[in-house]
Amino acid sequence: MPASRAARPTIHFVDEYCQLYEDLFPEVRSYEAFKLLHLGMISEIKRKSLPAIAKAVGLNNQQNLHHFLTESPWQVQQLRQKRLELTLKVLNGRSLILRSVIDITD
């Protein structure tokens, strides 16, 4: 069986952040969709819908992103656990106060 191809790069800091989660995705296409969703969420598009994100990141349609969210073989609980572990590692025993800011302007 041939080796899996490397994921296509996006922008450096998105690739760097997402690389921390790469082992959670058994398929390179799933990992690429994970990166593209992150890229779309930080883009300047007004509405963060799958069609808008797909267009912003250069996809022909949102089908791959939809498949990633609904059918891809990764586990959301594993992703949440990994995110918690990484957060606790960065905090290194320090406390954290999380405040929420909601922007309701158009």
PDB file of N, CA and C in Angstrom:
ATOM      1  N   MET A   1       0.837  -1.169   0.000  1.00  0.00           N
ATOM      2  CA  MET A   1       0.000   0.000   0.000  1.00  0.00           C
ATOM      3  C   MET A   1       0.891   1.244   0.000  1.00  0.00           C
ATOM      4  N   PRO A   2       0.647   2.201  -0.910  1.00  0.00           N
ATOM      5  CA  PRO A   2       1.502   3.385  -0.969  1.00  0.00           C
ATOM      6  C   PRO A   2       1.306   4.278   0.249  1.00  0.00           C
ATOM      7  N   ALA A   3       2.350   5.016   0.576  1.00  0.00           N
ATOM      8  CA  ALA A   3       2.279   5.942   1.718  1.00  0.00           C
ATOM      9  C   ALA A   3       1.280   7.049   1.420  1.00  0.00           C
ATOM     10  N   SER A   4       0.626   7.531   2.450  1.00  0.00           N
ATOM     11  CA  SER A   4      -0.332   8.621   2.307  1.00  0.00           C
ATOM     12  C   SER A   4       0.402   9.890   1.908  1.00  0.00           C
ATOM     13  N   ARG A   5      -0.249  10.713   1.116  1.00  0.00           N
ATOM     14  CA  ARG A   5       0.368  11.977   0.706  1.00  0.00           C
ATOM     15  C   ARG A   5       0.328  12.965   1.864  1.00  0.00           C
ATOM     16  N   ALA A   6       1.162  13.962   1.785  1.00  0.00           N
ATOM     17  CA  ALA A   6       1.178  15.009   2.805  1.00  0.00           C
ATOM     18  C   ALA A   6      -0.002  15.948   2.573  1.00  0.00           C
ATOM     19  N   ALA A   7      -0.510  16.509   3.631  1.00  0.00           N
ATOM     20  CA  ALA A   7      -1.617  17.470   3.522  1.00  0.00           C
ATOM     21  C   ALA A   7      -1.130  18.726   2.827  1.00  0.00           C
ATOM     22  N   ARG A   8      -2.011  19.308   2.019  1.00  0.00           N
ATOM     23  CA  ARG A   8      -1.673  20.557   1.338  1.00  0.00           C
ATOM     24  C   ARG A   8      -1.545  21.676   2.372  1.00  0.00           C
ATOM     25  N   PRO A   9      -0.549  22.522   2.212  1.00  0.00           N
ATOM     26  CA  PRO A   9      -0.377  23.620   3.174  1.00  0.00           C
ATOM     27  C   PRO A   9      -1.429  24.711   2.989  1.00  0.00           C
ATOM     28  N   THR A  10      -1.703  25.439   4.073  1.00  0.00           N
ATOM     29  CA  THR A  10      -2.579  26.614   4.006  1.00  0.00           C
ATOM     30  C   THR A  10      -1.697  27.808   4.353  1.00  0.00           C
ATOM     31  N   ILE A  11      -1.975  28.490   5.441  1.00  0.00           N
ATOM     32  CA  ILE A  11      -1.068  29.536   5.895  1.00  0.00           C
ATOM     33  C   ILE A  11      -0.342  29.018   7.133  1.00  0.00           C
ATOM     34  N   HIS A  12       0.829  29.526   7.351  1.00  0.00           N
ATOM     35  CA  HIS A  12       1.745  28.931   8.329  1.00  0.00           C
ATOM     36  C   HIS A  12       1.135  28.756   9.717  1.00  0.00           C
ATOM     37  N   PHE A  13       0.542  29.794  10.279  1.00  0.00           N
ATOM     38  CA  PHE A  13       0.077  29.651  11.664  1.00  0.00           C
ATOM     39  C   PHE A  13      -1.123  28.711  11.771  1.00  0.00           C
ATOM     40  N   VAL A  14      -1.953  28.606  10.730  1.00  0.00           N
ATOM     41  CA  VAL A  14      -3.055  27.630  10.736  1.00  0.00           C
ATOM     42  C   VAL A  14      -2.475  26.225  10.654  1.00  0.00           C
ATOM     43  N   ASP A  15      -1.511  26.026   9.759  1.00  0.00           N
ATOM     44  CA  ASP A  15      -0.869  24.715   9.642  1.00  0.00           C
ATOM     45  C   ASP A  15      -0.178  24.316  10.943  1.00  0.00           C
ATOM     46  N   GLU A  16       0.492  25.279  11.553  1.00  0.00           N
ATOM     47  CA  GLU A  16       1.210  25.012  12.795  1.00  0.00           C
ATOM     48  C   GLU A  16       0.243  24.618  13.919  1.00  0.00           C
ATOM     49  N   TYR A  17      -0.854  25.360  14.049  1.00  0.00           N
ATOM     50  CA  TYR A  17      -1.845  25.044  15.076  1.00  0.00           C
ATOM     51  C   TYR A  17      -2.498  23.688  14.802  1.00  0.00           C
ATOM     52  N   CYS A  18      -2.952  23.475  13.587  1.00  0.00           N
ATOM     53  CA  CYS A  18      -3.677  22.247  13.248  1.00  0.00           C
ATOM     54  C   CYS A  18      -2.788  21.007  13.326  1.00  0.00           C
ATOM     55  N   GLN A  19      -1.496  21.187  13.143  1.00  0.00           N
ATOM     56  CA  GLN A  19      -0.575  20.048  13.214  1.00  0.00           C
ATOM     57  C   GLN A  19      -0.628  19.366  14.580  1.00  0.00           C
ATOM     58  N   LEU A  20      -0.978  20.123  15.608  1.00  0.00           N
ATOM     59  CA  LEU A  20      -1.099  19.544  16.945  1.00  0.00           C
ATOM     60  C   LEU A  20      -2.214  18.492  17.017  1.00  0.00           C
ATOM     61  N   TYR A  21      -3.153  18.534  16.083  1.00  0.00           N
ATOM     62  CA  TYR A  21      -4.302  17.633  16.066  1.00  0.00           C
ATOM     63  C   TYR A  21      -4.230  16.598  14.938  1.00  0.00           C
ATOM     64  N   GLU A  22      -3.192  16.649  14.139  1.00  0.00           N
ATOM     65  CA  GLU A  22      -3.109  15.810  12.936  1.00  0.00           C
ATOM     66  C   GLU A  22      -3.297  14.326  13.224  1.00  0.00           C
ATOM     67  N   ASP A  23      -2.778  13.844  14.341  1.00  0.00           N
ATOM     68  CA  ASP A  23      -2.864  12.413  14.650  1.00  0.00           C
ATOM     69  C   ASP A  23      -4.294  11.935  14.907  1.00  0.00           C
ATOM     70  N   LEU A  24      -5.240  12.854  15.075  1.00  0.00           N
ATOM     71  CA  LEU A  24      -6.639  12.475  15.314  1.00  0.00           C
ATOM     72  C   LEU A  24      -7.386  12.130  14.025  1.00  0.00           C
ATOM     73  N   PHE A  25      -6.768  12.432  12.890  1.00  0.00           N
ATOM     74  CA  PHE A  25      -7.445  12.245  11.606  1.00  0.00           C
ATOM     75  C   PHE A  25      -6.779  11.141  10.806  1.00  0.00           C
ATOM     76  N   PRO A  26      -7.474  10.009  10.626  1.00  0.00           N
ATOM     77  CA  PRO A  26      -6.874   8.872   9.932  1.00  0.00           C
ATOM     78  C   PRO A  26      -6.716   9.078   8.425  1.00  0.00           C
ATOM     79  N   GLU A  27      -7.417  10.055   7.872  1.00  0.00           N
ATOM     80  CA  GLU A  27      -7.343  10.315   6.426  1.00  0.00           C
ATOM     81  C   GLU A  27      -6.816  11.723   6.182  1.00  0.00           C
ATOM     82  N   VAL A  28      -5.945  11.854   5.203  1.00  0.00           N
ATOM     83  CA  VAL A  28      -5.372  13.162   4.894  1.00  0.00           C
ATOM     84  C   VAL A  28      -6.462  14.148   4.460  1.00  0.00           C
ATOM     85  N   ARG A  29      -7.495  13.663   3.776  1.00  0.00           N
ATOM     86  CA  ARG A  29      -8.581  14.561   3.349  1.00  0.00           C
ATOM     87  C   ARG A  29      -9.330  15.139   4.550  1.00  0.00           C
ATOM     88  N   SER A  30      -9.498  14.347   5.585  1.00  0.00           N
ATOM     89  CA  SER A  30     -10.150  14.844   6.794  1.00  0.00           C
ATOM     90  C   SER A  30      -9.300  15.921   7.459  1.00  0.00           C
ATOM     91  N   TYR A  31      -8.012  15.680   7.529  1.00  0.00           N
ATOM     92  CA  TYR A  31      -7.105  16.650   8.135  1.00  0.00           C
ATOM     93  C   TYR A  31      -7.087  17.952   7.323  1.00  0.00           C
ATOM     94  N   GLU A  32      -7.097  17.834   6.008  1.00  0.00           N
ATOM     95  CA  GLU A  32      -7.139  19.033   5.166  1.00  0.00           C
ATOM     96  C   GLU A  32      -8.431  19.813   5.384  1.00  0.00           C
ATOM     97  N   ALA A  33      -9.538  19.124   5.502  1.00  0.00           N
ATOM     98  CA  ALA A  33     -10.815  19.801   5.757  1.00  0.00           C
ATOM     99  C   ALA A  33     -10.781  20.504   7.114  1.00  0.00           C
ATOM    100  N   PHE A  34     -10.184  19.877   8.109  1.00  0.00           N
ATOM    101  CA  PHE A  34     -10.005  20.480   9.431  1.00  0.00           C
ATOM    102  C   PHE A  34      -9.244  21.801   9.303  1.00  0.00           C
ATOM    103  N   LYS A  35      -8.166  21.787   8.540  1.00  0.00           N
ATOM    104  CA  LYS A  35      -7.371  22.998   8.338  1.00  0.00           C
ATOM    105  C   LYS A  35      -8.165  24.052   7.564  1.00  0.00           C
ATOM    106  N   LEU A  36      -8.884  23.636   6.544  1.00  0.00           N
ATOM    107  CA  LEU A  36      -9.651  24.590   5.740  1.00  0.00           C
ATOM    108  C   LEU A  36     -10.784  25.225   6.546  1.00  0.00           C
ATOM    109  N   LEU A  37     -11.413  24.461   7.432  1.00  0.00           N
ATOM    110  CA  LEU A  37     -12.438  25.048   8.292  1.00  0.00           C
ATOM    111  C   LEU A  37     -11.842  26.109   9.208  1.00  0.00           C
ATOM    112  N   HIS A  38     -10.672  25.851   9.748  1.00  0.00           N
ATOM    113  CA  HIS A  38     -10.000  26.861  10.571  1.00  0.00           C
ATOM    114  C   HIS A  38      -9.673  28.103   9.751  1.00  0.00           C
ATOM    115  N   LEU A  39      -9.169  27.884   8.562  1.00  0.00           N
ATOM    116  CA  LEU A  39      -8.846  29.004   7.687  1.00  0.00           C
ATOM    117  C   LEU A  39     -10.098  29.821   7.364  1.00  0.00           C
ATOM    118  N   GLY A  40     -11.185  29.136   7.093  1.00  0.00           N
ATOM    119  CA  GLY A  40     -12.444  29.823   6.802  1.00  0.00           C
ATOM    120  C   GLY A  40     -12.988  30.587   7.993  1.00  0.00           C
ATOM    121  N   MET A  41     -12.828  30.026   9.178  1.00  0.00           N
ATOM    122  CA  MET A  41     -13.345  30.696  10.377  1.00  0.00           C
ATOM    123  C   MET A  41     -12.589  31.980  10.702  1.00  0.00           C
ATOM    124  N   ILE A  42     -11.341  32.075  10.314  1.00  0.00           N
ATOM    125  CA  ILE A  42     -10.596  33.315  10.571  1.00  0.00           C
ATOM    126  C   ILE A  42     -10.622  34.262   9.377  1.00  0.00           C
ATOM    127  N   SER A  43     -11.264  33.841   8.293  1.00  0.00           N
ATOM    128  CA  SER A  43     -11.343  34.707   7.109  1.00  0.00           C
ATOM    129  C   SER A  43     -12.282  35.878   7.377  1.00  0.00           C
ATOM    130  N   GLU A  44     -12.284  36.833   6.486  1.00  0.00           N
ATOM    131  CA  GLU A  44     -13.079  38.041   6.665  1.00  0.00           C
ATOM    132  C   GLU A  44     -14.502  37.919   6.117  1.00  0.00           C
ATOM    133  N   ILE A  45     -14.935  36.718   5.774  1.00  0.00           N
ATOM    134  CA  ILE A  45     -16.296  36.565   5.268  1.00  0.00           C
ATOM    135  C   ILE A  45     -17.293  36.899   6.372  1.00  0.00           C
ATOM    136  N   LYS A  46     -18.419  37.456   5.962  1.00  0.00           N
ATOM    137  CA  LYS A  46     -19.416  37.912   6.934  1.00  0.00           C
ATOM    138  C   LYS A  46     -20.137  36.734   7.589  1.00  0.00           C
ATOM    139  N   ARG A  47     -20.598  35.800   6.791  1.00  0.00           N
ATOM    140  CA  ARG A  47     -21.315  34.636   7.319  1.00  0.00           C
ATOM    141  C   ARG A  47     -20.419  33.410   7.215  1.00  0.00           C
ATOM    142  N   LYS A  48     -20.291  32.717   8.304  1.00  0.00           N
ATOM    143  CA  LYS A  48     -19.400  31.557   8.367  1.00  0.00           C
ATOM    144  C   LYS A  48     -20.151  30.261   8.058  1.00  0.00           C
ATOM    145  N   SER A  49     -20.882  30.242   6.956  1.00  0.00           N
ATOM    146  CA  SER A  49     -21.584  29.042   6.524  1.00  0.00           C
ATOM    147  C   SER A  49     -20.626  28.161   5.722  1.00  0.00           C
ATOM    148  N   LEU A  50     -20.957  26.891   5.571  1.00  0.00           N
ATOM    149  CA  LEU A  50     -20.089  26.000   4.802  1.00  0.00           C
ATOM    150  C   LEU A  50     -19.922  26.473   3.359  1.00  0.00           C
ATOM    151  N   PRO A  51     -20.995  26.891   2.652  1.00  0.00           N
ATOM    152  CA  PRO A  51     -20.786  27.381   1.286  1.00  0.00           C
ATOM    153  C   PRO A  51     -19.862  28.603   1.240  1.00  0.00           C
ATOM    154  N   ALA A  52     -20.023  29.520   2.185  1.00  0.00           N
ATOM    155  CA  ALA A  52     -19.180  30.721   2.206  1.00  0.00           C
ATOM    156  C   ALA A  52     -17.730  30.368   2.533  1.00  0.00           C
ATOM    157  N   ILE A  53     -17.532  29.467   3.492  1.00  0.00           N
ATOM    158  CA  ILE A  53     -16.172  29.050   3.844  1.00  0.00           C
ATOM    159  C   ILE A  53     -15.533  28.337   2.662  1.00  0.00           C
ATOM    160  N   ALA A  54     -16.271  27.436   2.022  1.00  0.00           N
ATOM    161  CA  ALA A  54     -15.732  26.713   0.866  1.00  0.00           C
ATOM    162  C   ALA A  54     -15.266  27.692  -0.209  1.00  0.00           C
ATOM    163  N   LYS A  55     -16.087  28.672  -0.500  1.00  0.00           N
ATOM    164  CA  LYS A  55     -15.725  29.674  -1.509  1.00  0.00           C
ATOM    165  C   LYS A  55     -14.487  30.458  -1.080  1.00  0.00           C
ATOM    166  N   ALA A  56     -14.436  30.859   0.182  1.00  0.00           N
ATOM    167  CA  ALA A  56     -13.316  31.660   0.691  1.00  0.00           C
ATOM    168  C   ALA A  56     -11.992  30.905   0.649  1.00  0.00           C
ATOM    169  N   VAL A  57     -12.032  29.582   0.816  1.00  0.00           N
ATOM    170  CA  VAL A  57     -10.790  28.800   0.838  1.00  0.00           C
ATOM    171  C   VAL A  57     -10.479  28.156  -0.509  1.00  0.00           C
ATOM    172  N   GLY A  58     -11.273  28.486  -1.532  1.00  0.00           N
ATOM    173  CA  GLY A  58     -10.969  28.040  -2.885  1.00  0.00           C
ATOM    174  C   GLY A  58     -11.534  26.699  -3.302  1.00  0.00           C
ATOM    175  N   LEU A  59     -12.548  26.205  -2.605  1.00  0.00           N
ATOM    176  CA  LEU A  59     -13.192  24.951  -3.000  1.00  0.00           C
ATOM    177  C   LEU A  59     -14.342  25.243  -3.950  1.00  0.00           C
ATOM    178  N   ASN A  60     -14.659  24.304  -4.822  1.00  0.00           N
ATOM    179  CA  ASN A  60     -15.770  24.469  -5.766  1.00  0.00           C
ATOM    180  C   ASN A  60     -17.127  24.429  -5.081  1.00  0.00           C
ATOM    181  N   ASN A  61     -17.227  23.645  -4.018  1.00  0.00           N
ATOM    182  CA  ASN A  61     -18.473  23.558  -3.251  1.00  0.00           C
ATOM    183  C   ASN A  61     -18.143  23.110  -1.828  1.00  0.00           C
ATOM    184  N   GLN A  62     -19.174  23.047  -1.000  1.00  0.00           N
ATOM    185  CA  GLN A  62     -18.968  22.718   0.407  1.00  0.00           C
ATOM    186  C   GLN A  62     -19.037  21.228   0.706  1.00  0.00           C
ATOM    187  N   GLN A  63     -19.172  20.393  -0.293  1.00  0.00           N
ATOM    188  CA  GLN A  63     -19.381  18.965  -0.088  1.00  0.00           C
ATOM    189  C   GLN A  63     -18.284  18.321   0.773  1.00  0.00           C
ATOM    190  N   ASN A  64     -17.022  18.623   0.510  1.00  0.00           N
ATOM    191  CA  ASN A  64     -15.936  18.025   1.303  1.00  0.00           C
ATOM    192  C   ASN A  64     -15.999  18.464   2.759  1.00  0.00           C
ATOM    193  N   LEU A  65     -16.323  19.716   2.995  1.00  0.00           N
ATOM    194  CA  LEU A  65     -16.422  20.210   4.368  1.00  0.00           C
ATOM    195  C   LEU A  65     -17.615  19.578   5.080  1.00  0.00           C
ATOM    196  N   HIS A  66     -18.722  19.449   4.373  1.00  0.00           N
ATOM    197  CA  HIS A  66     -19.911  18.811   4.952  1.00  0.00           C
ATOM    198  C   HIS A  66     -19.611  17.352   5.297  1.00  0.00           C
ATOM    199  N   HIS A  67     -18.949  16.663   4.384  1.00  0.00           N
ATOM    200  CA  HIS A  67     -18.590  15.266   4.622  1.00  0.00           C
ATOM    201  C   HIS A  67     -17.681  15.151   5.857  1.00  0.00           C
ATOM    202  N   PHE A  68     -16.739  16.071   5.983  1.00  0.00           N
ATOM    203  CA  PHE A  68     -15.844  16.070   7.137  1.00  0.00           C
ATOM    204  C   PHE A  68     -16.630  16.167   8.438  1.00  0.00           C
ATOM    205  N   LEU A  69     -17.640  17.017   8.475  1.00  0.00           N
ATOM    206  CA  LEU A  69     -18.413  17.226   9.706  1.00  0.00           C
ATOM    207  C   LEU A  69     -19.415  16.114   9.993  1.00  0.00           C
ATOM    208  N   THR A  70     -19.881  15.432   8.960  1.00  0.00           N
ATOM    209  CA  THR A  70     -20.952  14.455   9.171  1.00  0.00           C
ATOM    210  C   THR A  70     -20.539  12.994   9.010  1.00  0.00           C
ATOM    211  N   GLU A  71     -19.517  12.706   8.203  1.00  0.00           N
ATOM    212  CA  GLU A  71     -19.206  11.309   7.876  1.00  0.00           C
ATOM    213  C   GLU A  71     -17.758  10.915   8.129  1.00  0.00           C
ATOM    214  N   SER A  72     -16.908  11.847   8.388  1.00  0.00           N
ATOM    215  CA  SER A  72     -15.483  11.563   8.491  1.00  0.00           C
ATOM    216  C   SER A  72     -15.173  10.708   9.725  1.00  0.00           C
ATOM    217  N   PRO A  73     -14.186   9.804   9.615  1.00  0.00           N
ATOM    218  CA  PRO A  73     -13.873   8.888  10.727  1.00  0.00           C
ATOM    219  C   PRO A  73     -12.962   9.491  11.801  1.00  0.00           C
ATOM    220  N   TRP A  74     -13.403  10.541  12.442  1.00  0.00           N
ATOM    221  CA  TRP A  74     -12.681  11.122  13.570  1.00  0.00           C
ATOM    222  C   TRP A  74     -13.691  11.298  14.691  1.00  0.00           C
ATOM    223  N   GLN A  75     -13.195  11.424  15.899  1.00  0.00           N
ATOM    224  CA  GLN A  75     -14.069  11.477  17.063  1.00  0.00           C
ATOM    225  C   GLN A  75     -13.991  12.847  17.724  1.00  0.00           C
ATOM    226  N   VAL A  76     -15.129  13.510  17.851  1.00  0.00           N
ATOM    227  CA  VAL A  76     -15.163  14.841  18.449  1.00  0.00           C
ATOM    228  C   VAL A  76     -14.658  14.807  19.893  1.00  0.00           C
ATOM    229  N   GLN A  77     -14.941  13.739  20.625  1.00  0.00           N
ATOM    230  CA  GLN A  77     -14.486  13.645  22.005  1.00  0.00           C
ATOM    231  C   GLN A  77     -12.960  13.608  22.089  1.00  0.00           C
ATOM    232  N   GLN A  78     -12.329  12.938  21.149  1.00  0.00           N
ATOM    233  CA  GLN A  78     -10.862  12.912  21.127  1.00  0.00           C
ATOM    234  C   GLN A  78     -10.309  14.307  20.842  1.00  0.00           C
ATOM    235  N   LEU A  79     -10.963  15.038  19.957  1.00  0.00           N
ATOM    236  CA  LEU A  79     -10.532  16.398  19.647  1.00  0.00           C
ATOM    237  C   LEU A  79     -10.677  17.296  20.873  1.00  0.00           C
ATOM    238  N   ARG A  80     -11.793  17.192  21.560  1.00  0.00           N
ATOM    239  CA  ARG A  80     -12.001  17.989  22.771  1.00  0.00           C
ATOM    240  C   ARG A  80     -10.958  17.649  23.841  1.00  0.00           C
ATOM    241  N   GLN A  81     -10.679  16.371  24.015  1.00  0.00           N
ATOM    242  CA  GLN A  81      -9.692  15.938  24.999  1.00  0.00           C
ATOM    243  C   GLN A  81      -8.310  16.480  24.656  1.00  0.00           C
ATOM    244  N   LYS A  82      -7.945  16.400  23.393  1.00  0.00           N
ATOM    245  CA  LYS A  82      -6.643  16.906  22.952  1.00  0.00           C
ATOM    246  C   LYS A  82      -6.551  18.415  23.186  1.00  0.00           C
ATOM    247  N   ARG A  83      -7.612  19.151  22.854  1.00  0.00           N
ATOM    248  CA  ARG A  83      -7.626  20.605  23.059  1.00  0.00           C
ATOM    249  C   ARG A  83      -7.467  20.932  24.545  1.00  0.00           C
ATOM    250  N   LEU A  84      -8.149  20.190  25.412  1.00  0.00           N
ATOM    251  CA  LEU A  84      -8.025  20.394  26.858  1.00  0.00           C
ATOM    252  C   LEU A  84      -6.602  20.106  27.327  1.00  0.00           C
ATOM    253  N   GLU A  85      -6.022  19.002  26.870  1.00  0.00           N
ATOM    254  CA  GLU A  85      -4.648  18.658  27.243  1.00  0.00           C
ATOM    255  C   GLU A  85      -3.671  19.749  26.816  1.00  0.00           C
ATOM    256  N   LEU A  86      -3.819  20.257  25.602  1.00  0.00           N
ATOM    257  CA  LEU A  86      -2.923  21.303  25.108  1.00  0.00           C
ATOM    258  C   LEU A  86      -3.093  22.594  25.898  1.00  0.00           C
ATOM    259  N   THR A  87      -4.330  22.933  26.242  1.00  0.00           N
ATOM    260  CA  THR A  87      -4.595  24.139  27.030  1.00  0.00           C
ATOM    261  C   THR A  87      -3.959  24.026  28.412  1.00  0.00           C
ATOM    262  N   LEU A  88      -4.148  22.883  29.062  1.00  0.00           N
ATOM    263  CA  LEU A  88      -3.564  22.677  30.391  1.00  0.00           C
ATOM    264  C   LEU A  88      -2.034  22.694  30.343  1.00  0.00           C
ATOM    265  N   LYS A  89      -1.472  22.162  29.273  1.00  0.00           N
ATOM    266  CA  LYS A  89      -0.014  22.167  29.123  1.00  0.00           C
ATOM    267  C   LYS A  89       0.504  23.601  29.013  1.00  0.00           C
ATOM    268  N   VAL A  90      -0.171  24.425  28.234  1.00  0.00           N
ATOM    269  CA  VAL A  90       0.242  25.821  28.065  1.00  0.00           C
ATOM    270  C   VAL A  90       0.083  26.590  29.376  1.00  0.00           C
ATOM    271  N   LEU A  91      -0.994  26.317  30.103  1.00  0.00           N
ATOM    272  CA  LEU A  91      -1.228  27.006  31.375  1.00  0.00           C
ATOM    273  C   LEU A  91      -0.185  26.630  32.423  1.00  0.00           C
ATOM    274  N   ASN A  92       0.324  25.409  32.352  1.00  0.00           N
ATOM    275  CA  ASN A  92       1.374  24.947  33.255  1.00  0.00           C
ATOM    276  C   ASN A  92       1.037  25.213  34.732  1.00  0.00           C
ATOM    277  N   GLY A  93      -0.193  24.887  35.121  1.00  0.00           N
ATOM    278  CA  GLY A  93      -0.607  25.032  36.512  1.00  0.00           C
ATOM    279  C   GLY A  93      -1.155  26.392  36.894  1.00  0.00           C
ATOM    280  N   ARG A  94      -1.056  27.361  36.002  1.00  0.00           N
ATOM    281  CA  ARG A  94      -1.588  28.695  36.301  1.00  0.00           C
ATOM    282  C   ARG A  94      -3.102  28.682  36.130  1.00  0.00           C
ATOM    283  N   SER A  95      -3.775  29.608  36.798  1.00  0.00           N
ATOM    284  CA  SER A  95      -5.228  29.711  36.650  1.00  0.00           C
ATOM    285  C   SER A  95      -5.561  30.537  35.411  1.00  0.00           C
ATOM    286  N   LEU A  96      -6.799  30.426  34.983  1.00  0.00           N
ATOM    287  CA  LEU A  96      -7.256  31.118  33.784  1.00  0.00           C
ATOM    288  C   LEU A  96      -8.640  31.679  34.044  1.00  0.00           C
ATOM    289  N   ILE A  97      -8.853  32.913  33.652  1.00  0.00           N
ATOM    290  CA  ILE A  97     -10.183  33.514  33.694  1.00  0.00           C
ATOM    291  C   ILE A  97     -10.614  33.699  32.249  1.00  0.00           C
ATOM    292  N   LEU A  98     -11.707  33.075  31.896  1.00  0.00           N
ATOM    293  CA  LEU A  98     -12.218  33.149  30.534  1.00  0.00           C
ATOM    294  C   LEU A  98     -13.413  34.086  30.509  1.00  0.00           C
ATOM    295  N   ARG A  99     -13.308  35.141  29.755  1.00  0.00           N
ATOM    296  CA  ARG A  99     -14.395  36.089  29.623  1.00  0.00           C
ATOM    297  C   ARG A  99     -14.917  36.028  28.205  1.00  0.00           C
ATOM    298  N   SER A 100     -16.187  36.202  28.067  1.00  0.00           N
ATOM    299  CA  SER A 100     -16.811  36.154  26.761  1.00  0.00           C
ATOM    300  C   SER A 100     -17.207  37.556  26.310  1.00  0.00           C
ATOM    301  N   VAL A 101     -16.956  37.849  25.068  1.00  0.00           N
ATOM    302  CA  VAL A 101     -17.351  39.113  24.472  1.00  0.00           C
ATOM    303  C   VAL A 101     -18.226  38.776  23.270  1.00  0.00           C
ATOM    304  N   ILE A 102     -19.409  39.327  23.240  1.00  0.00           N
ATOM    305  CA  ILE A 102     -20.321  39.077  22.131  1.00  0.00           C
ATOM    306  C   ILE A 102     -20.499  40.391  21.370  1.00  0.00           C
ATOM    307  N   ASP A 103     -20.198  40.353  20.095  1.00  0.00           N
ATOM    308  CA  ASP A 103     -20.327  41.521  19.233  1.00  0.00           C
ATOM    309  C   ASP A 103     -21.616  41.352  18.445  1.00  0.00           C
ATOM    310  N   ILE A 104     -22.583  42.217  18.686  1.00  0.00           N
ATOM    311  CA  ILE A 104     -23.868  42.093  17.996  1.00  0.00           C
ATOM    312  C   ILE A 104     -24.034  43.159  16.915  1.00  0.00           C
ATOM    313  N   THR A 105     -22.963  43.842  16.556  1.00  0.00           N
ATOM    314  CA  THR A 105     -23.043  44.840  15.498  1.00  0.00           C
ATOM    315  C   THR A 105     -23.034  44.163  14.145  1.00  0.00           C
ATOM    316  N   ASP A 106     -23.588  44.839  13.170  1.00  0.00           N
ATOM    317  CA  ASP A 106     -23.566  44.314  11.796  1.00  0.00           C
ATOM    318  C   ASP A 106     -22.261  44.521  11.173  1.00  0.00           C
TER     319      ASP A 106
END
